């Protein structure tokens, strides 16, 4: 059934889960969660429930960072910064099955491709279950959705001169109390129109399980 609520509270989460262990999915938030909402989520998590934080590949309406009040409590921060594969000159990230944790990759059949202008910053290294990084990539300008790079998908000399060359964190899992949380930097794979492509559905099942 559907539960409508103006904010997230611990009692609402407990009532909705009806005494069962549950996975809460927070995806593409268009407003930041309040401190009380974030604490309600982490209290629910530490009791042995699951949490999926799925951010957005651009920062339109703050969707890349509106999950940060919750993410920062579990040890990470979403960063709306452009990521591009320098070797293929294609915007996005290609991830192979064996780069995922075993419990997730057992569902996958091939490579997974997604496009992101988002990454993660680790704030606390305790209780980290896994992390997934890009291959060597460029960071474009901070909040780059209006930059020439985003519109043309080409590397200009300005971007090359002003962008550090490194690997960037795109996905992480962490243990929090008795529960587990997974943070992911792109919602595209889980949208209705593309959930059936490639390994998207299998990835979501693996993350949830």
Protein backbone atom coordinates (compact mmCIF):
# COMPACT_ATOMS: atom_id res chain seq x y z
CA UNK A 1 0.00 0.00 0.00
CA UNK A 2 0.99 3.65 -0.29
CA UNK A 3 1.80 5.84 2.70
CA UNK A 4 1.77 9.60 2.17
CA UNK A 5 3.76 11.74 4.59
CA UNK A 6 5.10 15.28 4.56
CA UNK A 7 8.29 14.16 6.28
CA UNK A 8 10.14 11.03 7.29
CA UNK A 9 9.78 9.99 10.89
CA UNK A 10 10.97 6.92 12.73
CA UNK A 11 7.42 5.96 13.73
CA UNK A 12 6.23 6.22 10.12
CA UNK A 13 9.08 3.97 8.94
CA UNK A 14 8.36 1.41 11.67
CA UNK A 15 4.64 1.41 10.94
CA UNK A 16 5.20 1.07 7.19
CA UNK A 17 7.58 -1.88 7.57
CA UNK A 18 4.98 -3.63 9.78
CA UNK A 19 7.56 -5.27 12.00
CA UNK A 20 9.49 -6.84 9.11
CA UNK A 21 13.06 -6.10 8.07
CA UNK A 22 12.88 -3.62 5.19
CA UNK A 23 15.00 -1.73 2.67
CA UNK A 24 14.33 1.99 2.45
CA UNK A 25 15.12 3.50 -0.97
CA UNK A 26 15.76 7.26 -1.11
CA UNK A 27 16.20 8.36 -4.72
CA UNK A 28 16.56 11.73 -6.50
CA UNK A 29 15.36 13.89 -3.62
CA UNK A 30 14.25 17.32 -4.84
CA UNK A 31 14.73 18.91 -1.42
CA UNK A 32 17.31 18.19 1.29
CA UNK A 33 16.21 16.03 4.20
CA UNK A 34 16.01 17.76 7.57
CA UNK A 35 18.22 16.78 10.51
CA UNK A 36 15.30 15.07 12.22
CA UNK A 37 14.47 13.11 9.05
CA UNK A 38 18.09 12.05 8.61
CA UNK A 39 18.25 10.85 12.21
CA UNK A 40 15.00 8.92 11.77
CA UNK A 41 16.49 7.14 8.75
CA UNK A 42 19.73 6.20 10.52
CA UNK A 43 17.84 5.00 13.60
CA UNK A 44 15.77 2.75 11.33
CA UNK A 45 18.98 1.59 9.65
CA UNK A 46 20.92 0.79 12.80
CA UNK A 47 18.14 -1.55 13.97
CA UNK A 48 18.96 -3.97 11.17
CA UNK A 49 17.12 -2.55 8.18
CA UNK A 50 18.61 -1.64 4.79
CA UNK A 51 19.10 1.70 3.07
CA UNK A 52 19.73 2.54 -0.61
CA UNK A 53 20.76 6.13 -1.29
CA UNK A 54 20.51 6.73 -5.05
CA UNK A 55 21.65 10.17 -6.11
CA UNK A 56 21.39 11.78 -9.55
CA UNK A 57 23.92 12.15 -12.37
CA UNK A 58 23.36 15.92 -12.52
CA UNK A 59 22.67 18.45 -9.80
CA UNK A 60 19.44 19.80 -11.28
CA UNK A 61 17.18 20.85 -8.38
CA UNK A 62 19.97 19.75 -6.04
CA UNK A 63 19.22 16.09 -6.74
CA UNK A 64 22.91 15.18 -6.57
CA UNK A 65 23.34 16.51 -3.04
CA UNK A 66 19.92 16.55 -1.34
CA UNK A 67 20.67 13.12 0.13
CA UNK A 68 23.74 14.45 1.93
CA UNK A 69 22.06 15.06 5.33
CA UNK A 70 21.51 11.28 5.43
CA UNK A 71 24.69 10.26 3.57
CA UNK A 72 26.95 12.25 5.88
CA UNK A 73 25.57 10.46 8.94
CA UNK A 74 26.63 7.10 7.47
CA UNK A 75 30.07 8.38 6.44
CA UNK A 76 29.95 9.75 2.88
CA UNK A 77 29.11 12.89 0.92
CA UNK A 78 27.79 13.12 -2.66
CA UNK A 79 29.78 15.50 -4.89
CA UNK A 80 28.18 16.88 -8.11
CA UNK A 81 31.36 16.79 -10.16
CA UNK A 82 31.74 15.64 -13.75
CA UNK A 83 33.23 12.23 -14.44
CA UNK A 84 34.35 11.19 -17.91
CA UNK A 85 36.34 8.23 -19.17
CA UNK A 86 39.52 9.65 -20.69
CA UNK A 87 40.41 6.49 -22.60
CA UNK A 88 37.18 6.01 -24.50
CA UNK A 89 36.37 9.75 -24.65
CA UNK A 90 32.81 8.82 -23.76
CA UNK A 91 30.91 10.44 -20.97
CA UNK A 92 30.18 8.01 -18.18
CA UNK A 93 31.67 4.95 -16.55
CA UNK A 94 32.00 1.32 -17.65
CA UNK A 95 32.14 -1.21 -14.84
CA UNK A 96 32.93 -4.89 -15.19
CA UNK A 97 31.19 -7.65 -13.27
CA UNK A 98 34.25 -8.58 -11.23
CA UNK A 99 34.60 -5.02 -9.93
CA UNK A 100 31.40 -5.41 -7.89
CA UNK A 101 31.23 -7.18 -4.53
CA UNK A 102 30.51 -10.90 -4.90
CA UNK A 103 27.03 -10.74 -3.35
CA UNK A 104 26.00 -8.20 -6.00
CA UNK A 105 27.99 -9.40 -9.02
CA UNK A 106 26.55 -12.93 -8.87
CA UNK A 107 23.42 -11.48 -10.49
CA UNK A 108 25.24 -9.67 -13.29
CA UNK A 109 25.94 -11.14 -16.71
CA UNK A 110 28.24 -8.56 -18.34
CA UNK A 111 29.53 -5.01 -18.19
CA UNK A 112 27.45 -2.23 -16.68
CA UNK A 113 27.50 1.23 -18.24
CA UNK A 114 26.17 4.38 -16.66
CA UNK A 115 26.55 8.10 -17.09
CA UNK A 116 27.29 10.21 -14.06
CA UNK A 117 28.33 13.69 -13.09
CA UNK A 118 28.48 12.69 -9.47
CA UNK A 119 30.95 11.06 -7.12
CA UNK A 120 31.38 10.25 -3.43
CA UNK A 121 33.70 11.60 -0.77
CA UNK A 122 34.48 9.25 2.10
CA UNK A 123 34.15 11.00 5.47
CA UNK A 124 34.60 8.02 7.79
CA UNK A 125 36.45 4.83 6.87
CA UNK A 126 34.99 2.71 9.67
CA UNK A 127 32.67 -0.18 8.81
CA UNK A 128 33.15 0.15 5.03
CA UNK A 129 31.95 -3.03 3.27
CA UNK A 130 33.06 -2.15 -0.27
CA UNK A 131 33.83 0.74 -2.60
CA UNK A 132 33.70 0.94 -6.39
CA UNK A 133 35.78 3.49 -8.29
CA UNK A 134 36.01 4.60 -11.92
CA UNK A 135 38.88 3.89 -14.20
CA UNK A 136 41.13 6.95 -14.70
CA UNK A 137 38.87 9.87 -15.49
CA UNK A 138 38.63 13.62 -15.58
CA UNK A 139 36.80 15.74 -13.06
CA UNK A 140 35.13 18.58 -14.91
CA UNK A 141 34.04 21.81 -13.26
CA UNK A 142 32.09 21.65 -10.02
CA UNK A 143 28.31 21.64 -10.73
CA UNK A 144 29.05 21.32 -14.41
CA UNK A 145 25.55 20.90 -15.85
CA UNK A 146 25.74 24.30 -17.59
CA UNK A 147 29.35 24.01 -18.77
CA UNK A 148 30.36 23.59 -22.39
CA UNK A 149 31.57 20.10 -21.50
CA UNK A 150 28.08 18.99 -20.51
CA UNK A 151 26.51 20.39 -23.68
CA UNK A 152 29.12 19.25 -26.23
CA UNK A 153 30.50 16.19 -24.43
CA UNK A 154 33.94 17.22 -25.61
CA UNK A 155 37.11 17.93 -23.68
CA UNK A 156 38.12 21.56 -24.20
CA UNK A 157 41.65 22.73 -23.45
CA UNK A 158 40.25 24.70 -20.50
CA UNK A 159 38.80 21.54 -18.97
CA UNK A 160 42.01 19.60 -19.55
CA UNK A 161 44.09 22.33 -17.92
CA UNK A 162 41.82 22.77 -14.91
CA UNK A 163 40.82 19.17 -14.19
CA UNK A 164 42.87 16.77 -12.06
CA UNK A 165 43.44 13.27 -13.39
CA UNK A 166 42.45 10.51 -10.97
CA UNK A 167 40.05 7.72 -10.06
CA UNK A 168 36.75 8.63 -8.42
CA UNK A 169 34.45 6.87 -6.00
CA UNK A 170 31.05 6.05 -7.54
CA UNK A 171 29.50 3.49 -5.21
CA UNK A 172 29.98 2.37 -1.62
CA UNK A 173 28.51 0.00 0.95
CA UNK A 174 28.75 0.48 4.69
CA UNK A 175 27.60 -1.30 7.83
CA UNK A 176 25.70 0.94 10.22
CA UNK A 177 24.63 -0.55 13.53
CA UNK A 178 22.86 -3.80 12.65
CA UNK A 179 21.93 -2.54 9.18
CA UNK A 180 23.66 -1.93 5.87
CA UNK A 181 23.56 1.02 3.47
CA UNK A 182 24.57 1.30 -0.18
CA UNK A 183 25.24 4.67 -1.84
CA UNK A 184 25.05 4.98 -5.63
CA UNK A 185 25.74 8.06 -7.75
CA UNK A 186 23.33 7.69 -10.68
CA UNK A 187 19.59 7.03 -10.82
CA UNK A 188 19.39 6.32 -14.55
CA UNK A 189 19.67 2.52 -14.34
CA UNK A 190 16.68 2.37 -12.02
CA UNK A 191 14.31 4.59 -14.00
CA UNK A 192 11.21 2.93 -15.45
CA UNK A 193 12.32 3.41 -19.05
CA UNK A 194 15.71 1.70 -18.70
CA UNK A 195 15.39 -0.74 -15.79
CA UNK A 196 15.02 -3.56 -18.32
CA UNK A 197 18.22 -2.75 -20.21
CA UNK A 198 21.44 -4.65 -19.61
CA UNK A 199 21.98 -5.70 -16.01
CA UNK A 200 20.05 -2.84 -14.42
CA UNK A 201 17.32 -4.97 -12.85
CA UNK A 202 19.84 -7.55 -11.65
CA UNK A 203 21.97 -4.80 -10.11
CA UNK A 204 18.98 -3.42 -8.22
CA UNK A 205 18.09 -6.91 -6.93
CA UNK A 206 21.68 -7.42 -5.81
CA UNK A 207 21.82 -4.07 -4.02
CA UNK A 208 18.51 -4.70 -2.29
CA UNK A 209 19.40 -8.21 -1.18
